[in-house]
C-alpha cells in the first residue's frame, strides 16, 4: 500500500468522527512520525479544508512535526507544580544524558502534579523523579 493510500485509509477510519482533523493528524503522526506537506495536502483535500487550515492546526500543536525524528522522546514536565517540586534542578543532568541521542522536550502538565517531577516516554508516565531516576530513564529510552 502506498503512503498516499495509507493516509487515505487513516482519514477514512477517522472520517466518521465529528471534527475529524485532530484525530487524522494524530493518526498520520503516529504512522509516519510527521505530517509533511504531502500529508497536509492529502488531508486537506479529503476533509474539504484548505491546506492553510490543516497547516495552521498542525503547526499550532507541538506534538505534530513537519519532519520525522527517529530519536526516542522523553517529555519532562516543567509546569509550576513540578517546578515547585524541583524539576528545574534536573534539567542540566537530563540534557547531558540526552546528548542529542534522545529528544528531550518540555511539556506543561502531565496531570501528576502532586507527585512531581514527572516525565513521559510514549504512553508511560514516571513520577517522583530525582536526578538519578530521570537520567536512568533517558539512558534507557
Protein backbone atom coordinates (compact mmCIF):
# COMPACT_ATOMS: atom_id res chain seq x y z
CA UNK A 1 0.00 0.00 0.00
CA UNK A 2 1.42 3.38 -0.98
CA UNK A 3 1.88 6.19 1.51
CA UNK A 4 -0.99 8.14 -0.06
CA UNK A 5 -3.23 5.07 0.16
CA UNK A 6 -2.27 4.56 3.81
CA UNK A 7 -3.06 8.22 4.59
CA UNK A 8 -6.40 7.83 2.79
CA UNK A 9 -7.15 4.77 4.95
CA UNK A 10 -6.30 6.71 8.12
CA UNK A 11 -8.57 9.55 7.01
CA UNK A 12 -11.39 7.11 6.24
CA UNK A 13 -11.01 5.50 9.67
CA UNK A 14 -11.34 8.84 11.43
CA UNK A 15 -13.83 10.31 8.96
CA UNK A 16 -16.83 9.21 11.00
CA UNK A 17 -15.73 11.42 13.89
CA UNK A 18 -17.26 14.81 14.31
CA UNK A 19 -14.43 17.23 13.63
CA UNK A 20 -12.02 14.60 12.27
CA UNK A 21 -8.99 16.84 11.67
CA UNK A 22 -7.22 16.28 15.00
CA UNK A 23 -7.81 12.50 15.04
CA UNK A 24 -6.49 12.32 11.46
CA UNK A 25 -3.42 14.40 12.32
CA UNK A 26 -2.68 12.18 15.33
CA UNK A 27 -3.09 9.03 13.23
CA UNK A 28 -0.80 10.30 10.47
CA UNK A 29 1.79 11.47 13.01
CA UNK A 30 1.71 8.07 14.73
CA UNK A 31 2.01 6.18 11.46
CA UNK A 32 4.72 8.22 9.74
CA UNK A 33 6.37 10.23 12.51
CA UNK A 34 5.47 13.52 10.88
CA UNK A 35 2.87 15.50 8.98
CA UNK A 36 4.70 16.78 5.93
CA UNK A 37 3.40 18.98 3.13
CA UNK A 38 2.22 15.99 1.09
CA UNK A 39 0.20 14.66 4.03
CA UNK A 40 -1.25 18.12 4.69
CA UNK A 41 -2.40 18.33 1.06
CA UNK A 42 -3.99 14.87 1.14
CA UNK A 43 -5.74 15.59 4.43
CA UNK A 44 -6.98 18.99 3.24
CA UNK A 45 -8.37 17.51 0.04
CA UNK A 46 -10.09 14.60 1.81
CA UNK A 47 -11.64 16.75 4.53
CA UNK A 48 -12.58 19.60 2.19
CA UNK A 49 -10.33 22.04 4.03
CA UNK A 50 -7.72 24.43 2.73
CA UNK A 51 -4.06 23.47 3.10
CA UNK A 52 -3.69 26.61 5.21
CA UNK A 53 -6.31 25.33 7.67
CA UNK A 54 -4.60 21.96 8.01
CA UNK A 55 -1.15 23.52 8.25
CA UNK A 56 -2.40 26.04 10.81
CA UNK A 57 -3.65 23.29 13.11
CA UNK A 58 -0.65 21.01 12.56
CA UNK A 59 1.83 23.82 13.22
CA UNK A 60 -0.07 25.12 16.26
CA UNK A 61 0.27 21.95 18.32
CA UNK A 62 3.75 20.97 19.45
CA UNK A 63 3.00 17.25 19.17
CA UNK A 64 2.96 17.43 15.39
CA UNK A 65 6.20 17.60 13.40
CA UNK A 66 6.81 18.53 9.77
CA UNK A 67 9.80 16.15 9.57
CA UNK A 68 10.25 12.73 11.13
CA UNK A 69 12.69 12.47 14.03
CA UNK A 70 13.68 8.87 14.74
CA UNK A 71 15.11 9.61 18.18
CA UNK A 72 13.18 8.45 21.24
CA UNK A 73 11.38 11.25 23.06
CA UNK A 74 11.34 11.96 26.77
CA UNK A 75 8.87 14.64 27.80
CA UNK A 76 9.75 16.46 31.01
CA UNK A 77 7.01 18.36 32.82
CA UNK A 78 8.14 21.88 33.66
CA UNK A 79 4.80 23.29 34.81
CA UNK A 80 4.51 25.26 38.02
CA UNK A 81 3.73 22.30 40.28
CA UNK A 82 6.74 20.34 39.01
CA UNK A 83 8.87 23.47 39.27
CA UNK A 84 7.85 23.76 42.91
CA UNK A 85 8.94 20.15 43.38
CA UNK A 86 12.39 20.77 41.85
CA UNK A 87 12.18 19.86 38.17
CA UNK A 88 14.32 22.80 37.06
CA UNK A 89 17.29 21.42 39.01
CA UNK A 90 17.01 18.20 36.96
CA UNK A 91 17.25 19.87 33.56
CA UNK A 92 21.07 20.13 33.22
CA UNK A 93 21.59 16.44 34.04
CA UNK A 94 18.71 15.48 31.73
CA UNK A 95 20.17 17.49 28.84
CA UNK A 96 23.60 15.95 29.43
CA UNK A 97 22.13 12.43 29.48
CA UNK A 98 20.09 13.08 26.32
CA UNK A 99 23.23 14.27 24.50
CA UNK A 100 21.45 14.50 21.15
CA UNK A 101 20.56 10.78 21.16
CA UNK A 102 17.22 11.39 22.89
CA UNK A 103 14.80 14.22 22.11
CA UNK A 104 14.17 15.89 25.45
CA UNK A 105 11.07 18.06 25.21
CA UNK A 106 9.34 20.31 27.68
CA UNK A 107 5.64 19.82 28.38
CA UNK A 108 3.44 21.78 30.72
CA UNK A 109 1.47 19.38 32.89
CA UNK A 110 1.24 15.64 32.66
CA UNK A 111 -1.54 15.58 35.25
CA UNK A 112 0.50 14.20 38.14
CA UNK A 113 1.04 17.49 39.93
CA UNK A 114 1.14 16.06 43.46
CA UNK A 115 3.85 13.51 42.64
CA UNK A 116 6.27 15.53 40.50
CA UNK A 117 8.71 15.96 38.99
CA UNK A 118 7.26 13.89 36.15
CA UNK A 119 8.25 12.65 32.72
CA UNK A 120 6.59 10.65 29.98
CA UNK A 121 8.07 8.22 27.50
CA UNK A 122 5.49 7.13 24.96
CA UNK A 123 2.33 6.45 26.96
CA UNK A 124 4.17 5.64 30.18
CA UNK A 125 4.26 8.25 32.95
CA UNK A 126 7.05 8.38 35.51
CA UNK A 127 6.56 10.26 38.79
CA UNK A 128 8.60 11.35 41.80
CA UNK A 129 11.74 11.66 39.72
CA UNK A 130 15.05 12.67 41.15
CA UNK A 131 18.17 13.31 39.08
CA UNK A 132 19.37 9.70 39.09
CA UNK A 133 15.97 8.29 38.13
CA UNK A 134 15.50 10.79 35.30
CA UNK A 135 18.98 10.14 33.93
CA UNK A 136 18.29 6.38 34.05
CA UNK A 137 15.04 6.88 32.12
CA UNK A 138 16.78 8.95 29.45
CA UNK A 139 19.66 6.49 29.11
CA UNK A 140 17.28 3.56 28.62
CA UNK A 141 14.86 5.39 26.27
